[in-house]
Amino acid sequence: MVINLSEKNSLVNNWISEIRDVSIQTDRMRFRRNLERIGEVAAYEISKTLTFEDREVQTPLGISVCKVLADQPVLGTILRAGVPLHHGMLNYFDKADNAFISAYRKHHRDGSFEISLEYVSCPDLTDRVLILCDPMLATGSSLVKTIHFLKDEGVPKSIHVVCAIACTVGIEYVRREQPGVTIWCGDIDDELTAKGYIVPGLGDAGDLSYGTKQQQ
């Protein structure tokens, strides 16, 4: 399943326009905050799909039967670009367990690249709801490799992916390789360059959030 949060008019459309806008995205704090906001909305929407249970809560005047989450999800983020999106999710799923994965493109001199995974910090994922944050779903290679990597930590009950911008090429690749995954997108673009960058996209989300880095 793929859910495009921009299909219906909401404030998400405003934040997507700002993270794309070259005249605004140079403000790093604003860029990070907009990613965080998108993560918050995605968390709220995903919460509607989760299991709730009744719980009696003592108020000053009596007992109220409230609906509460039956189980907390695991929030995973792909470092470093996924951190602001992850933070927004954590603002809402504030009791969630967390996973952190180092996954990046290792570029070669001929212009090609491979996905390098070097680090994971993760709880047992067996029968848990896993929500992965990665702002740009381009080719889908790093995401699929990350999911395979995480399944060594236990097989989740369900997997959700949250991204700010996704490309149709990457979405189709994830759906082929991981057909049970639900993808939540801030918006969807159709074009991918030969080097694997989304067009029109927004640029490098990690660099826009935290500054440029040396090429690996």
N, C-alpha and C. Protein backbone atom coordinates (compact mmCIF):
# COMPACT_ATOMS: atom_id res chain seq x y z
N MET A 1 0.85 -1.19 0.00
CA MET A 1 0.00 0.00 0.00
C MET A 1 0.89 1.25 0.00
N VAL A 2 0.47 2.26 -0.78
CA VAL A 2 1.19 3.53 -0.85
C VAL A 2 0.21 4.65 -0.54
N ILE A 3 0.54 5.49 0.43
CA ILE A 3 -0.30 6.62 0.81
C ILE A 3 0.47 7.91 0.54
N ASN A 4 -0.07 8.75 -0.35
CA ASN A 4 0.53 10.04 -0.66
C ASN A 4 -0.21 11.11 0.13
N LEU A 5 0.46 11.67 1.14
CA LEU A 5 -0.19 12.63 2.03
C LEU A 5 -0.52 13.95 1.35
N SER A 6 0.04 14.19 0.15
CA SER A 6 -0.24 15.43 -0.57
C SER A 6 -1.45 15.32 -1.49
N GLU A 7 -2.03 14.14 -1.59
CA GLU A 7 -3.19 13.98 -2.49
C GLU A 7 -4.39 14.78 -2.00
N LYS A 8 -4.51 14.95 -0.69
CA LYS A 8 -5.56 15.77 -0.13
C LYS A 8 -4.96 17.07 0.40
N ASN A 9 -5.66 18.17 0.21
CA ASN A 9 -5.16 19.46 0.67
C ASN A 9 -5.03 19.49 2.19
N SER A 10 -3.84 19.82 2.66
CA SER A 10 -3.57 19.96 4.08
C SER A 10 -2.30 20.77 4.24
N LEU A 11 -1.91 21.02 5.48
CA LEU A 11 -0.67 21.76 5.74
C LEU A 11 0.56 21.01 5.25
N VAL A 12 0.45 19.70 5.05
CA VAL A 12 1.58 18.95 4.50
C VAL A 12 2.02 19.54 3.17
N ASN A 13 1.06 19.96 2.34
CA ASN A 13 1.41 20.57 1.05
C ASN A 13 2.27 21.82 1.23
N ASN A 14 1.96 22.63 2.25
CA ASN A 14 2.78 23.82 2.54
C ASN A 14 4.21 23.43 2.88
N TRP A 15 4.35 22.44 3.77
CA TRP A 15 5.69 22.05 4.22
C TRP A 15 6.49 21.40 3.09
N ILE A 16 5.82 20.63 2.24
CA ILE A 16 6.50 20.05 1.08
C ILE A 16 7.00 21.15 0.14
N SER A 17 6.17 22.16 -0.08
CA SER A 17 6.59 23.26 -0.96
C SER A 17 7.82 23.97 -0.40
N GLU A 18 7.89 24.10 0.92
CA GLU A 18 9.02 24.80 1.54
C GLU A 18 10.31 23.98 1.51
N ILE A 19 10.22 22.67 1.72
CA ILE A 19 11.46 21.88 1.68
C ILE A 19 11.97 21.73 0.25
N ARG A 20 11.11 21.95 -0.74
CA ARG A 20 11.55 21.93 -2.14
C ARG A 20 12.13 23.26 -2.60
N ASP A 21 11.70 24.36 -2.00
CA ASP A 21 11.98 25.72 -2.47
C ASP A 21 13.42 26.12 -2.15
N VAL A 22 14.22 26.37 -3.21
CA VAL A 22 15.64 26.71 -3.01
C VAL A 22 15.81 28.01 -2.24
N SER A 23 14.82 28.89 -2.30
CA SER A 23 14.95 30.17 -1.59
C SER A 23 14.62 30.04 -0.11
N ILE A 24 14.03 28.92 0.30
CA ILE A 24 13.66 28.69 1.70
C ILE A 24 14.51 27.60 2.34
N GLN A 25 14.88 26.57 1.57
CA GLN A 25 15.53 25.40 2.16
C GLN A 25 16.94 25.67 2.67
N THR A 26 17.51 26.84 2.33
CA THR A 26 18.82 27.20 2.88
C THR A 26 18.76 27.50 4.37
N ASP A 27 17.57 27.73 4.90
CA ASP A 27 17.38 27.90 6.34
C ASP A 27 17.31 26.50 6.95
N ARG A 28 18.42 26.03 7.47
CA ARG A 28 18.50 24.64 7.93
C ARG A 28 17.52 24.32 9.04
N MET A 29 17.35 25.25 9.96
CA MET A 29 16.44 24.99 11.08
C MET A 29 15.01 24.82 10.57
N ARG A 30 14.62 25.67 9.62
CA ARG A 30 13.28 25.58 9.04
C ARG A 30 13.12 24.27 8.25
N PHE A 31 14.18 23.90 7.51
CA PHE A 31 14.13 22.65 6.74
C PHE A 31 13.94 21.46 7.67
N ARG A 32 14.73 21.41 8.74
CA ARG A 32 14.60 20.30 9.70
C ARG A 32 13.23 20.29 10.35
N ARG A 33 12.73 21.47 10.70
CA ARG A 33 11.42 21.54 11.36
C ARG A 33 10.31 21.07 10.43
N ASN A 34 10.40 21.41 9.15
CA ASN A 34 9.39 20.97 8.20
C ASN A 34 9.41 19.45 8.04
N LEU A 35 10.59 18.84 8.00
CA LEU A 35 10.67 17.38 7.98
C LEU A 35 10.05 16.79 9.24
N GLU A 36 10.34 17.44 10.36
CA GLU A 36 9.79 16.98 11.64
C GLU A 36 8.25 17.05 11.62
N ARG A 37 7.70 18.12 11.07
CA ARG A 37 6.25 18.26 10.98
C ARG A 37 5.63 17.16 10.12
N ILE A 38 6.29 16.85 9.00
CA ILE A 38 5.80 15.77 8.14
C ILE A 38 5.81 14.45 8.90
N GLY A 39 6.85 14.23 9.70
CA GLY A 39 6.92 13.03 10.54
C GLY A 39 5.79 12.98 11.55
N GLU A 40 5.44 14.13 12.12
CA GLU A 40 4.35 14.17 13.10
C GLU A 40 3.01 13.80 12.47
N VAL A 41 2.74 14.35 11.28
CA VAL A 41 1.49 14.03 10.60
C VAL A 41 1.45 12.55 10.22
N ALA A 42 2.58 12.04 9.73
CA ALA A 42 2.64 10.62 9.37
C ALA A 42 2.40 9.74 10.59
N ALA A 43 2.96 10.12 11.73
CA ALA A 43 2.76 9.35 12.96
C ALA A 43 1.28 9.31 13.33
N TYR A 44 0.62 10.45 13.22
CA TYR A 44 -0.82 10.52 13.54
C TYR A 44 -1.61 9.61 12.61
N GLU A 45 -1.29 9.65 11.31
CA GLU A 45 -2.03 8.83 10.34
C GLU A 45 -1.75 7.34 10.56
N ILE A 46 -0.50 6.99 10.82
CA ILE A 46 -0.16 5.59 11.06
C ILE A 46 -0.84 5.08 12.32
N SER A 47 -0.97 5.95 13.33
CA SER A 47 -1.58 5.52 14.59
C SER A 47 -3.00 5.00 14.38
N LYS A 48 -3.67 5.47 13.35
CA LYS A 48 -5.04 5.03 13.07
C LYS A 48 -5.09 3.57 12.64
N THR A 49 -3.95 3.04 12.17
CA THR A 49 -3.91 1.66 11.69
C THR A 49 -3.48 0.68 12.76
N LEU A 50 -3.08 1.17 13.93
CA LEU A 50 -2.54 0.32 14.98
C LEU A 50 -3.63 -0.20 15.91
N THR A 51 -3.26 -1.14 16.75
CA THR A 51 -4.21 -1.79 17.66
C THR A 51 -4.32 -1.00 18.96
N PHE A 52 -5.57 -0.74 19.38
CA PHE A 52 -5.84 -0.03 20.63
C PHE A 52 -6.61 -0.96 21.57
N GLU A 53 -6.54 -0.64 22.85
CA GLU A 53 -7.27 -1.42 23.84
C GLU A 53 -7.90 -0.47 24.85
N ASP A 54 -8.93 -0.95 25.53
CA ASP A 54 -9.58 -0.15 26.58
C ASP A 54 -8.75 -0.18 27.86
N ARG A 55 -8.68 0.99 28.50
CA ARG A 55 -7.99 1.07 29.78
C ARG A 55 -8.76 2.00 30.71
N GLU A 56 -8.96 1.56 31.95
CA GLU A 56 -9.63 2.41 32.93
C GLU A 56 -8.64 3.42 33.50
N VAL A 57 -9.05 4.68 33.45
CA VAL A 57 -8.20 5.77 33.93
C VAL A 57 -8.94 6.49 35.06
N GLN A 58 -8.26 6.65 36.19
CA GLN A 58 -8.84 7.35 37.34
C GLN A 58 -8.73 8.86 37.12
N THR A 59 -9.86 9.55 37.10
CA THR A 59 -9.87 11.01 37.05
C THR A 59 -10.19 11.53 38.45
N PRO A 60 -10.12 12.83 38.69
CA PRO A 60 -10.48 13.35 40.02
C PRO A 60 -11.93 13.06 40.40
N LEU A 61 -12.79 12.76 39.40
CA LEU A 61 -14.21 12.60 39.69
C LEU A 61 -14.75 11.20 39.39
N GLY A 62 -13.90 10.32 38.93
CA GLY A 62 -14.41 8.98 38.63
C GLY A 62 -13.49 8.20 37.72
N ILE A 63 -14.05 7.19 37.06
CA ILE A 63 -13.29 6.32 36.17
C ILE A 63 -13.72 6.59 34.73
N SER A 64 -12.73 6.77 33.87
CA SER A 64 -13.00 6.93 32.44
C SER A 64 -12.35 5.76 31.70
N VAL A 65 -13.11 5.14 30.79
CA VAL A 65 -12.56 4.07 29.95
C VAL A 65 -12.01 4.70 28.67
N CYS A 66 -10.69 4.61 28.51
CA CYS A 66 -10.01 5.28 27.39
C CYS A 66 -9.41 4.25 26.44
N LYS A 67 -9.30 4.65 25.17
CA LYS A 67 -8.62 3.84 24.17
C LYS A 67 -7.14 4.23 24.17
N VAL A 68 -6.25 3.24 24.35
CA VAL A 68 -4.81 3.50 24.34
C VAL A 68 -4.13 2.46 23.45
N LEU A 69 -2.93 2.79 22.98
CA LEU A 69 -2.16 1.86 22.15
C LEU A 69 -1.92 0.56 22.91
N ALA A 70 -2.20 -0.55 22.24
CA ALA A 70 -1.97 -1.85 22.88
C ALA A 70 -0.48 -2.16 22.97
N ASP A 71 0.28 -1.78 21.95
CA ASP A 71 1.73 -2.02 21.93
C ASP A 71 2.42 -0.83 21.27
N GLN A 72 3.58 -0.48 21.77
CA GLN A 72 4.35 0.61 21.19
C GLN A 72 5.13 0.11 19.96
N PRO A 73 5.22 0.93 18.90
CA PRO A 73 6.00 0.55 17.73
C PRO A 73 7.50 0.74 17.97
N VAL A 74 8.28 0.27 17.01
CA VAL A 74 9.72 0.55 16.97
C VAL A 74 9.94 1.56 15.86
N LEU A 75 10.54 2.70 16.20
CA LEU A 75 10.84 3.73 15.21
C LEU A 75 12.28 3.59 14.76
N GLY A 76 12.48 3.30 13.48
CA GLY A 76 13.82 3.16 12.93
C GLY A 76 14.16 4.32 12.02
N THR A 77 15.41 4.74 12.04
CA THR A 77 15.82 5.82 11.13
C THR A 77 17.14 5.48 10.47
N ILE A 78 17.24 5.89 9.21
CA ILE A 78 18.47 5.71 8.45
C ILE A 78 19.29 6.98 8.61
N LEU A 79 20.47 6.84 9.22
CA LEU A 79 21.33 7.99 9.49
C LEU A 79 21.97 8.49 8.20
N ARG A 80 22.18 9.83 8.07
CA ARG A 80 21.84 10.86 9.03
C ARG A 80 20.57 11.60 8.64
N ALA A 81 20.22 11.47 7.36
CA ALA A 81 19.13 12.29 6.81
C ALA A 81 17.79 12.02 7.46
N GLY A 82 17.59 10.81 8.00
CA GLY A 82 16.30 10.46 8.56
C GLY A 82 16.03 11.00 9.94
N VAL A 83 17.02 11.63 10.58
CA VAL A 83 16.88 12.03 11.99
C VAL A 83 15.75 13.04 12.22
N PRO A 84 15.61 14.13 11.42
CA PRO A 84 14.51 15.06 11.69
C PRO A 84 13.13 14.42 11.54
N LEU A 85 12.97 13.60 10.51
CA LEU A 85 11.70 12.89 10.30
C LEU A 85 11.41 11.96 11.47
N HIS A 86 12.46 11.27 11.92
CA HIS A 86 12.36 10.36 13.07
C HIS A 86 11.97 11.14 14.34
N HIS A 87 12.56 12.30 14.51
CA HIS A 87 12.26 13.12 15.69
C HIS A 87 10.78 13.51 15.70
N GLY A 88 10.24 13.85 14.52
CA GLY A 88 8.82 14.17 14.44
C GLY A 88 7.95 12.99 14.83
N MET A 89 8.32 11.80 14.37
CA MET A 89 7.58 10.59 14.75
C MET A 89 7.65 10.37 16.26
N LEU A 90 8.84 10.60 16.82
CA LEU A 90 9.06 10.37 18.25
C LEU A 90 8.29 11.38 19.11
N ASN A 91 8.02 12.56 18.55
CA ASN A 91 7.19 13.53 19.27
C ASN A 91 5.81 12.96 19.58
N TYR A 92 5.32 12.10 18.71
CA TYR A 92 3.98 11.53 18.88
C TYR A 92 4.03 10.14 19.49
N PHE A 93 4.90 9.28 18.97
CA PHE A 93 5.09 7.95 19.58
C PHE A 93 6.20 8.08 20.63
N ASP A 94 5.92 8.84 21.68
CA ASP A 94 6.97 9.23 22.61
C ASP A 94 7.46 8.10 23.51
N LYS A 95 6.72 6.98 23.55
CA LYS A 95 7.15 5.83 24.36
C LYS A 95 7.71 4.71 23.50
N ALA A 96 7.91 4.98 22.22
CA ALA A 96 8.36 3.93 21.30
C ALA A 96 9.80 3.53 21.56
N ASP A 97 10.12 2.28 21.22
CA ASP A 97 11.51 1.85 21.14
C ASP A 97 12.09 2.38 19.82
N ASN A 98 13.43 2.41 19.74
CA ASN A 98 14.07 3.04 18.58
C ASN A 98 15.18 2.17 18.01
N ALA A 99 15.36 2.32 16.69
CA ALA A 99 16.44 1.64 15.98
C ALA A 99 17.16 2.65 15.10
N PHE A 100 18.49 2.51 14.99
CA PHE A 100 19.29 3.42 14.18
C PHE A 100 20.18 2.60 13.26
N ILE A 101 20.18 2.99 11.98
CA ILE A 101 20.89 2.22 10.97
C ILE A 101 21.76 3.17 10.14
N SER A 102 23.03 2.81 9.99
CA SER A 102 23.92 3.55 9.11
C SER A 102 23.88 2.92 7.73
N ALA A 103 23.25 3.62 6.78
CA ALA A 103 23.17 3.13 5.39
C ALA A 103 23.45 4.31 4.47
N TYR A 104 24.38 4.16 3.56
CA TYR A 104 24.71 5.28 2.68
C TYR A 104 25.22 4.75 1.33
N ARG A 105 25.22 5.66 0.36
CA ARG A 105 25.74 5.32 -0.96
C ARG A 105 27.26 5.47 -0.97
N LYS A 106 27.94 4.40 -1.28
CA LYS A 106 29.39 4.44 -1.42
C LYS A 106 29.71 4.59 -2.91
N HIS A 107 30.13 5.77 -3.30
CA HIS A 107 30.32 6.08 -4.71
C HIS A 107 31.67 5.59 -5.22
N HIS A 108 31.69 5.20 -6.51
CA HIS A 108 32.91 4.76 -7.17
C HIS A 108 33.30 5.79 -8.24
N ARG A 109 34.53 5.71 -8.69
CA ARG A 109 35.03 6.70 -9.65
C ARG A 109 34.31 6.66 -10.98
N ASP A 110 33.75 5.50 -11.33
CA ASP A 110 33.04 5.40 -12.61
C ASP A 110 31.62 5.95 -12.55
N GLY A 111 31.24 6.53 -11.39
CA GLY A 111 29.90 7.10 -11.25
C GLY A 111 28.89 6.16 -10.63
N SER A 112 29.22 4.88 -10.53
CA SER A 112 28.31 3.92 -9.91
C SER A 112 28.41 4.01 -8.38
N PHE A 113 27.52 3.35 -7.69
CA PHE A 113 27.57 3.33 -6.24
C PHE A 113 26.99 2.02 -5.72
N GLU A 114 27.35 1.70 -4.49
CA GLU A 114 26.76 0.56 -3.80
C GLU A 114 26.24 1.03 -2.45
N ILE A 115 25.30 0.29 -1.88
CA ILE A 115 24.75 0.64 -0.58
C ILE A 115 25.60 -0.02 0.50
N SER A 116 26.14 0.80 1.38
CA SER A 116 26.97 0.29 2.47
C SER A 116 26.20 0.38 3.78
N LEU A 117 26.13 -0.72 4.50
CA LEU A 117 25.52 -0.78 5.83
C LEU A 117 26.60 -1.14 6.83
N GLU A 118 26.82 -0.26 7.82
CA GLU A 118 27.95 -0.47 8.72
C GLU A 118 27.57 -0.57 10.19
N TYR A 119 26.34 -0.18 10.54
CA TYR A 119 26.01 -0.10 11.97
C TYR A 119 24.52 -0.25 12.16
N VAL A 120 24.12 -0.97 13.20
CA VAL A 120 22.71 -1.03 13.57
C VAL A 120 22.60 -1.11 15.09
N SER A 121 21.68 -0.33 15.65
CA SER A 121 21.33 -0.40 17.06
C SER A 121 19.83 -0.60 17.10
N CYS A 122 19.39 -1.76 17.59
CA CYS A 122 17.99 -2.13 17.40
C CYS A 122 17.51 -3.09 18.49
N PRO A 123 16.27 -2.91 18.96
CA PRO A 123 15.69 -3.89 19.88
C PRO A 123 15.23 -5.13 19.10
N ASP A 124 14.76 -6.13 19.79
CA ASP A 124 14.18 -7.31 19.15
C ASP A 124 12.92 -6.88 18.40
N LEU A 125 12.86 -7.19 17.11
CA LEU A 125 11.74 -6.76 16.28
C LEU A 125 10.65 -7.81 16.13
N THR A 126 10.82 -8.96 16.78
CA THR A 126 9.87 -10.05 16.62
C THR A 126 8.45 -9.62 16.98
N ASP A 127 7.57 -9.73 15.99
CA ASP A 127 6.14 -9.42 16.16
C ASP A 127 5.89 -7.97 16.58
N ARG A 128 6.79 -7.07 16.22
CA ARG A 128 6.61 -5.65 16.51
C ARG A 128 6.18 -4.90 15.26
N VAL A 129 5.58 -3.73 15.43
CA VAL A 129 5.33 -2.81 14.31
C VAL A 129 6.58 -1.96 14.13
N LEU A 130 7.18 -2.03 12.94
CA LEU A 130 8.39 -1.27 12.64
C LEU A 130 8.03 -0.12 11.71
N ILE A 131 8.45 1.11 12.09
CA ILE A 131 8.24 2.29 11.25
C ILE A 131 9.60 2.86 10.91
N LEU A 132 9.96 2.83 9.62
CA LEU A 132 11.26 3.28 9.16
C LEU A 132 11.17 4.68 8.57
N CYS A 133 12.06 5.58 8.97
CA CYS A 133 12.09 6.95 8.46
C CYS A 133 13.28 7.15 7.53
N ASP A 134 13.00 7.56 6.31
CA ASP A 134 14.04 7.88 5.33
C ASP A 134 13.44 8.95 4.42
N PRO A 135 13.95 10.20 4.46
CA PRO A 135 13.25 11.29 3.78
C PRO A 135 13.14 11.15 2.27
N MET A 136 14.12 10.48 1.62
CA MET A 136 14.11 10.38 0.17
C MET A 136 14.11 8.91 -0.24
N LEU A 137 13.04 8.47 -0.87
CA LEU A 137 12.96 7.12 -1.43
C LEU A 137 13.21 7.24 -2.93
N ALA A 138 14.47 7.03 -3.33
CA ALA A 138 14.85 7.22 -4.73
C ALA A 138 14.83 5.88 -5.48
N THR A 139 15.95 5.17 -5.50
CA THR A 139 15.98 3.86 -6.16
C THR A 139 15.31 2.78 -5.31
N GLY A 140 15.29 3.00 -4.00
CA GLY A 140 14.74 2.00 -3.08
C GLY A 140 15.76 0.98 -2.61
N SER A 141 16.98 1.02 -3.17
CA SER A 141 18.00 0.01 -2.86
C SER A 141 18.42 0.04 -1.40
N SER A 142 18.67 1.24 -0.86
CA SER A 142 19.12 1.33 0.53
C SER A 142 18.01 0.90 1.49
N LEU A 143 16.78 1.24 1.15
CA LEU A 143 15.66 0.87 2.01
C LEU A 143 15.45 -0.64 2.04
N VAL A 144 15.47 -1.28 0.88
CA VAL A 144 15.28 -2.73 0.82
C VAL A 144 16.41 -3.45 1.54
N LYS A 145 17.64 -2.97 1.34
CA LYS A 145 18.78 -3.59 2.02
C LYS A 145 18.67 -3.41 3.53
N THR A 146 18.20 -2.24 3.97
CA THR A 146 18.01 -1.97 5.39
C THR A 146 16.97 -2.91 6.00
N ILE A 147 15.87 -3.13 5.28
CA ILE A 147 14.82 -4.02 5.78
C ILE A 147 15.35 -5.44 5.92
N HIS A 148 16.09 -5.91 4.91
CA HIS A 148 16.70 -7.25 5.00
C HIS A 148 17.62 -7.33 6.21
N PHE A 149 18.40 -6.27 6.41
CA PHE A 149 19.36 -6.20 7.51
C PHE A 149 18.64 -6.26 8.85
N LEU A 150 17.54 -5.51 8.97
CA LEU A 150 16.81 -5.44 10.23
C LEU A 150 16.09 -6.73 10.55
N LYS A 151 15.72 -7.48 9.55
CA LYS A 151 15.01 -8.73 9.81
C LYS A 151 15.89 -9.76 10.52
N ASP A 152 17.19 -9.52 10.54
CA ASP A 152 18.08 -10.35 11.35
C ASP A 152 17.84 -10.11 12.84
N GLU A 153 17.18 -8.97 13.16
CA GLU A 153 16.87 -8.63 14.55
C GLU A 153 15.48 -9.13 14.96
N GLY A 154 14.86 -9.94 14.10
CA GLY A 154 13.51 -10.44 14.34
C GLY A 154 12.58 -10.01 13.23
N VAL A 155 11.57 -10.81 12.95
CA VAL A 155 10.64 -10.50 11.86
C VAL A 155 9.48 -9.66 12.41
N PRO A 156 9.33 -8.42 11.92
CA PRO A 156 8.26 -7.55 12.43
C PRO A 156 6.87 -8.05 12.05
N LYS A 157 5.88 -7.65 12.81
CA LYS A 157 4.49 -7.95 12.50
C LYS A 157 4.06 -7.17 11.26
N SER A 158 4.50 -5.93 11.16
CA SER A 158 4.21 -5.09 10.00
C SER A 158 5.30 -4.04 9.88
N ILE A 159 5.47 -3.52 8.66
CA ILE A 159 6.51 -2.52 8.40
C ILE A 159 5.88 -1.33 7.68
N HIS A 160 6.11 -0.14 8.21
CA HIS A 160 5.71 1.11 7.57
C HIS A 160 6.98 1.89 7.23
N VAL A 161 6.98 2.55 6.07
CA VAL A 161 8.08 3.42 5.66
C VAL A 161 7.53 4.84 5.51
N VAL A 162 8.22 5.80 6.12
CA VAL A 162 7.81 7.20 6.04
C VAL A 162 8.89 7.99 5.31
N CYS A 163 8.51 8.70 4.25
CA CYS A 163 9.47 9.52 3.51
C CYS A 163 8.82 10.84 3.12
N ALA A 164 9.65 11.85 2.96
CA ALA A 164 9.12 13.16 2.54
C ALA A 164 8.82 13.15 1.04
N ILE A 165 9.77 12.67 0.24
CA ILE A 165 9.61 12.58 -1.21
C ILE A 165 9.97 11.17 -1.65
N ALA A 166 9.12 10.58 -2.48
CA ALA A 166 9.39 9.25 -3.03
C ALA A 166 9.33 9.32 -4.55
N CYS A 167 10.08 8.44 -5.20
CA CYS A 167 10.05 8.31 -6.66
C CYS A 167 9.30 7.04 -7.01
N THR A 168 8.53 7.09 -8.08
CA THR A 168 7.76 5.91 -8.49
C THR A 168 8.65 4.70 -8.74
N VAL A 169 9.87 4.94 -9.24
CA VAL A 169 10.81 3.83 -9.49
C VAL A 169 11.14 3.12 -8.17
N GLY A 170 11.46 3.90 -7.15
CA GLY A 170 11.79 3.32 -5.85
C GLY A 170 10.61 2.64 -5.20
N ILE A 171 9.43 3.24 -5.34
CA ILE A 171 8.22 2.63 -4.78
C ILE A 171 7.98 1.26 -5.39
N GLU A 172 8.09 1.17 -6.72
CA GLU A 172 7.86 -0.11 -7.39
C GLU A 172 8.90 -1.14 -6.99
N TYR A 173 10.15 -0.71 -6.79
CA TYR A 173 11.20 -1.65 -6.38
C TYR A 173 10.92 -2.20 -4.98
N VAL A 174 10.53 -1.32 -4.06
CA VAL A 174 10.21 -1.76 -2.70
C VAL A 174 9.01 -2.71 -2.72
N ARG A 175 8.01 -2.39 -3.53
CA ARG A 175 6.82 -3.24 -3.60
C ARG A 175 7.14 -4.63 -4.16
N ARG A 176 8.09 -4.70 -5.08
CA ARG A 176 8.50 -6.01 -5.61
C ARG A 176 9.29 -6.81 -4.59
N GLU A 177 10.23 -6.14 -3.92
CA GLU A 177 11.14 -6.83 -3.01
C GLU A 177 10.54 -7.06 -1.63
N GLN A 178 9.68 -6.14 -1.19
CA GLN A 178 9.06 -6.21 0.14
C GLN A 178 7.58 -5.89 0.00
N PRO A 179 6.80 -6.80 -0.56
CA PRO A 179 5.40 -6.50 -0.92
C PRO A 179 4.49 -6.17 0.26
N GLY A 180 4.87 -6.54 1.47
CA GLY A 180 4.00 -6.27 2.62
C GLY A 180 4.20 -4.90 3.25
N VAL A 181 5.16 -4.12 2.75
CA VAL A 181 5.49 -2.82 3.35
C VAL A 181 4.47 -1.75 2.94
N THR A 182 4.06 -0.93 3.90
CA THR A 182 3.21 0.23 3.62
C THR A 182 4.08 1.48 3.55
N ILE A 183 3.95 2.25 2.46
CA ILE A 183 4.79 3.43 2.24
C ILE A 183 3.93 4.69 2.40
N TRP A 184 4.38 5.58 3.28
CA TRP A 184 3.71 6.86 3.51
C TRP A 184 4.60 7.98 2.98
N CYS A 185 4.12 8.75 2.01
CA CYS A 185 4.94 9.76 1.33
C CYS A 185 4.37 11.16 1.54
N GLY A 186 5.26 12.11 1.70
CA GLY A 186 4.82 13.51 1.67
C GLY A 186 4.39 13.90 0.26
N ASP A 187 5.10 13.37 -0.74
CA ASP A 187 4.73 13.59 -2.15
C ASP A 187 5.49 12.57 -2.99
N ILE A 188 5.06 12.41 -4.24
CA ILE A 188 5.66 11.43 -5.14
C ILE A 188 6.07 12.10 -6.44
N ASP A 189 7.31 11.88 -6.87
CA ASP A 189 7.83 12.35 -8.16
C ASP A 189 8.06 11.16 -9.08
N ASP A 190 8.06 11.42 -10.38
CA ASP A 190 8.15 10.32 -11.35
C ASP A 190 9.53 10.12 -11.96
N GLU A 191 10.41 11.12 -11.87
CA GLU A 191 11.68 11.04 -12.60
C GLU A 191 12.84 10.74 -11.67
N LEU A 192 13.77 9.92 -12.18
CA LEU A 192 15.00 9.57 -11.47
C LEU A 192 16.15 9.73 -12.44
N THR A 193 17.22 10.43 -12.02
CA THR A 193 18.37 10.61 -12.90
C THR A 193 19.20 9.34 -12.98
N ALA A 194 20.16 9.32 -13.91
CA ALA A 194 21.04 8.17 -14.07
C ALA A 194 21.85 7.91 -12.82
N LYS A 195 22.09 8.95 -12.03
CA LYS A 195 22.85 8.80 -10.79
C LYS A 195 21.96 8.51 -9.59
N GLY A 196 20.67 8.33 -9.83
CA GLY A 196 19.77 7.92 -8.75
C GLY A 196 19.23 9.05 -7.91
N TYR A 197 19.09 10.25 -8.49
CA TYR A 197 18.53 11.38 -7.75
C TYR A 197 17.12 11.69 -8.26
N ILE A 198 16.22 12.04 -7.32
CA ILE A 198 14.83 12.32 -7.67
C ILE A 198 14.70 13.71 -8.29
N VAL A 199 13.89 13.79 -9.37
CA VAL A 199 13.60 15.06 -10.04
C VAL A 199 12.08 15.26 -10.07
N PRO A 200 11.56 16.45 -9.65
CA PRO A 200 12.31 17.62 -9.16
C PRO A 200 12.89 17.44 -7.76
N GLY A 201 12.36 16.54 -6.95
CA GLY A 201 12.96 16.26 -5.64
C GLY A 201 13.15 17.49 -4.79
N LEU A 202 14.27 17.50 -4.06
CA LEU A 202 14.59 18.67 -3.24
C LEU A 202 16.09 18.83 -3.02
N GLY A 203 16.88 17.91 -3.54
CA GLY A 203 18.32 17.93 -3.29
C GLY A 203 18.69 16.86 -2.28
N ASP A 204 19.78 17.07 -1.57
CA ASP A 204 20.27 16.12 -0.57
C ASP A 204 19.71 16.50 0.80
N ALA A 205 18.78 15.69 1.32
CA ALA A 205 18.12 16.02 2.59
C ALA A 205 19.09 16.07 3.75
N GLY A 206 20.10 15.19 3.74
CA GLY A 206 21.09 15.20 4.81
C GLY A 206 21.91 16.47 4.81
N ASP A 207 22.37 16.89 3.62
CA ASP A 207 23.16 18.12 3.52
C ASP A 207 22.33 19.34 3.89
N LEU A 208 21.07 19.36 3.46
CA LEU A 208 20.21 20.51 3.77
C LEU A 208 19.88 20.59 5.25
N SER A 209 19.88 19.45 5.93
CA SER A 209 19.61 19.43 7.36
C SER A 209 20.83 19.76 8.20
N TYR A 210 22.00 19.26 7.76
CA TYR A 210 23.17 19.29 8.65
C TYR A 210 24.46 19.82 8.02
N GLY A 211 24.43 20.19 6.75
CA GLY A 211 25.63 20.68 6.10
C GLY A 211 26.26 19.62 5.20
N THR A 212 27.10 20.07 4.27
CA THR A 212 27.70 19.16 3.30
C THR A 212 28.72 18.23 3.98
N LYS A 213 28.96 17.11 3.34
CA LYS A 213 29.90 16.10 3.85
C LYS A 213 30.87 15.72 2.75
N GLN A 214 31.95 15.08 3.16
CA GLN A 214 32.88 14.54 2.17
C GLN A 214 32.24 13.33 1.52
N GLN A 215 32.45 13.18 0.21
CA GLN A 215 31.88 12.04 -0.51
C GLN A 215 32.58 10.76 -0.10
N GLN A 216 31.79 9.71 0.22
CA GLN A 216 32.35 8.42 0.63
C GLN A 216 32.84 7.63 -0.59
